[in-house]
Protein backbone atom coordinates (compact mmCIF):
# COMPACT_ATOMS: atom_id res chain seq x y z
CA MET A 1 39.22 80.02 60.54
CA PHE A 2 42.69 81.62 60.47
CA LYS A 3 44.08 82.62 63.83
CA ASP A 4 47.31 84.36 62.96
CA ILE A 5 48.52 85.18 59.48
CA ARG A 6 51.81 87.00 59.07
CA LEU A 7 52.09 88.85 55.82
CA PRO A 8 55.35 89.84 54.13
CA GLU A 9 56.14 93.53 54.60
CA PRO A 10 55.63 94.55 50.94
CA LEU A 11 52.18 92.97 50.98
CA ARG A 12 51.35 94.53 54.34
CA LYS A 13 52.31 97.99 52.99
CA ARG A 14 50.04 97.57 49.96
CA ILE A 15 47.17 96.56 52.19
CA ASP A 16 47.79 99.39 54.64
CA ALA A 17 47.77 101.90 51.77
CA GLY A 18 44.06 101.15 51.51
CA VAL A 19 43.84 101.59 47.75
CA ARG A 20 42.13 98.21 47.30
CA ASP A 21 40.38 95.66 49.46
CA ALA A 22 42.89 93.57 51.45
CA SER A 23 41.23 90.33 50.43
CA ALA A 24 41.50 91.21 46.73
CA ILE A 25 45.18 92.11 47.07
CA VAL A 26 46.01 88.84 48.82
CA GLN A 27 43.90 86.80 46.39
CA ASP A 28 45.60 88.40 43.36
CA ASP A 29 49.06 87.71 44.77
CA LEU A 30 48.21 84.12 45.66
CA GLU A 31 46.72 83.48 42.23
CA ARG A 32 49.90 84.77 40.59
CA TYR A 33 52.09 82.71 42.93
CA TYR A 34 50.22 79.48 42.27
CA SER A 35 50.02 80.17 38.53
CA LEU A 36 53.79 80.66 38.50
CA LEU A 37 54.30 77.42 40.44
CA ASP A 38 52.07 75.57 37.99
CA LEU A 39 53.98 76.99 35.02
CA VAL A 40 57.32 76.01 36.56
CA GLY A 41 55.89 72.60 37.46
CA GLU A 42 55.06 72.04 33.80
CA GLU A 43 58.65 72.74 32.80
CA MET A 44 59.90 70.48 35.62
CA THR A 45 57.80 67.50 34.53
CA GLY A 46 60.04 64.43 34.51
CA HIS A 47 63.02 66.32 35.96
CA PHE A 48 63.15 64.13 39.08
CA SER A 49 62.57 60.41 39.39
CA ILE A 50 60.15 59.10 42.00
CA GLU A 51 63.17 57.94 44.05
CA GLU A 52 64.78 61.37 43.87
CA ALA A 53 61.53 63.08 44.86
CA SER A 54 61.16 60.74 47.83
CA HIS A 55 64.77 61.35 48.81
CA LEU A 56 64.31 65.13 48.66
CA CYS A 57 61.27 64.83 50.91
CA ASP A 58 63.26 62.73 53.38
CA VAL A 59 66.27 65.05 53.39
CA PHE A 60 64.20 68.20 53.87
CA ARG A 61 61.53 66.81 56.19
CA SER A 62 62.14 69.33 58.95
CA THR A 63 64.39 71.90 57.29
CA ALA A 64 63.54 75.60 57.20
CA MET A 65 64.60 77.83 54.31
CA ASP A 66 65.09 81.57 54.78
CA THR A 67 63.34 83.57 52.07
CA LYS A 68 65.77 86.42 52.66
CA ARG A 69 68.42 84.17 51.08
CA LEU A 70 66.23 83.06 48.18
CA ALA A 71 68.92 83.56 45.55
CA SER A 72 70.99 80.85 47.25
CA TRP A 73 68.25 78.21 47.47
CA PRO A 74 69.53 76.05 44.57
CA SER A 75 72.93 75.85 46.26
CA PHE A 76 71.42 75.25 49.69
CA LEU A 77 69.33 72.36 48.36
CA ALA A 78 72.39 70.81 46.73
CA TRP A 79 74.62 71.31 49.77
CA ASP A 80 72.09 69.78 52.15
CA VAL A 81 71.69 66.70 49.95
CA GLU A 82 75.47 66.44 49.75
CA ASP A 83 75.83 66.71 53.55
CA VAL A 84 73.17 64.08 54.19
CA GLU A 85 74.84 61.72 51.75
CA LYS A 86 78.25 62.34 53.24
CA TYR A 87 77.15 61.42 56.75
CA GLU A 88 74.09 59.21 56.38
CA LYS A 89 74.45 57.59 52.92
CA LEU A 90 70.66 57.68 52.41
CA GLY A 91 70.83 58.14 48.66
CA ALA A 92 73.10 55.17 48.05
CA GLY A 93 70.77 52.98 50.10
CA ALA A 94 67.82 54.10 47.97
CA GLY A 95 69.64 53.48 44.68
CA ILE A 96 69.95 57.17 43.85
CA GLU A 97 72.88 58.61 41.94
CA THR A 98 73.47 61.34 44.49
CA GLU A 99 76.02 63.24 42.42
CA ARG A 100 73.50 63.43 39.56
CA LEU A 101 70.79 64.69 41.94
CA ILE A 102 73.15 67.29 43.40
CA ASP A 103 74.01 68.45 39.88
CA LYS A 104 70.29 68.78 39.08
CA LEU A 105 69.77 70.88 42.19
CA GLU A 106 72.76 73.12 41.51
CA ARG A 107 71.44 73.84 38.00
CA LEU A 108 67.99 74.95 39.21
CA THR A 109 66.92 78.53 38.75
CA VAL A 110 65.69 80.30 41.85
CA VAL A 111 62.08 79.91 40.70
CA GLN A 112 62.60 76.19 40.08
CA ALA A 113 64.10 75.88 43.57
CA ILE A 114 60.98 77.55 44.99
CA TRP A 115 58.88 74.96 43.13
CA VAL A 116 61.00 72.11 44.54
CA TRP A 117 60.67 73.54 48.03
CA HIS A 118 56.93 74.03 47.63
CA SER A 119 56.59 70.46 46.37
CA ILE A 120 58.49 69.06 49.35
CA ARG A 121 56.32 71.04 51.78
CA LEU A 122 53.16 69.96 49.95
CA CYS A 123 54.19 66.30 50.12
CA TRP A 124 54.58 66.50 53.89
CA GLU A 125 51.39 68.50 54.41
CA THR A 126 49.34 65.93 52.50
CA ALA A 127 51.22 62.81 53.60
CA PRO A 128 49.56 60.15 55.70
CA GLN A 129 51.42 58.95 58.74
CA GLY A 130 54.64 57.35 57.59
CA GLY A 131 55.48 59.87 54.90
CA PRO A 132 54.57 60.74 51.34
CA ARG A 133 53.19 57.94 49.16
CA ASP A 134 54.54 57.24 45.68
CA ASP A 135 51.21 58.21 44.11
CA ASP A 136 51.37 61.63 45.77
CA LEU A 137 55.03 62.11 44.83
CA LYS A 138 54.24 61.31 41.19
CA ILE A 139 51.53 63.95 41.09
CA ILE A 140 53.25 66.66 43.12
CA PHE A 141 56.73 66.26 41.60
CA ARG A 142 55.32 65.38 38.17
CA THR A 143 57.68 62.44 37.88
CA GLY A 144 55.69 60.99 35.00
């Protein structure tokens, strides 16, 4: 089923130590990760409008984020939205108060930024051709 899975070094070291079954280690970590995302998602309910969620998906459609710079993700998200607006004016065309969205992004905690990033990726992974649908954005971004 899986052809090539690259594991982060700390996880690889725990598996290589052989204290527990590799599958159990990975499952435990994934369960904690998704539980954390769900918890953060609950606190983020209603934080973004459907238009803002759609805009974030458009802005970050093919962007990569370096996990080694995780602490800077809130700023990176804000700066990228600001750059796109400066040159492409996408937010204004969609009726989005871009400065307000940028402020929201700058105020995110690192864990909230991970949730935003995960939500964007999830929207694109589940999107039909043509991009994420409003119904999917409402559920994934918990826009209300």
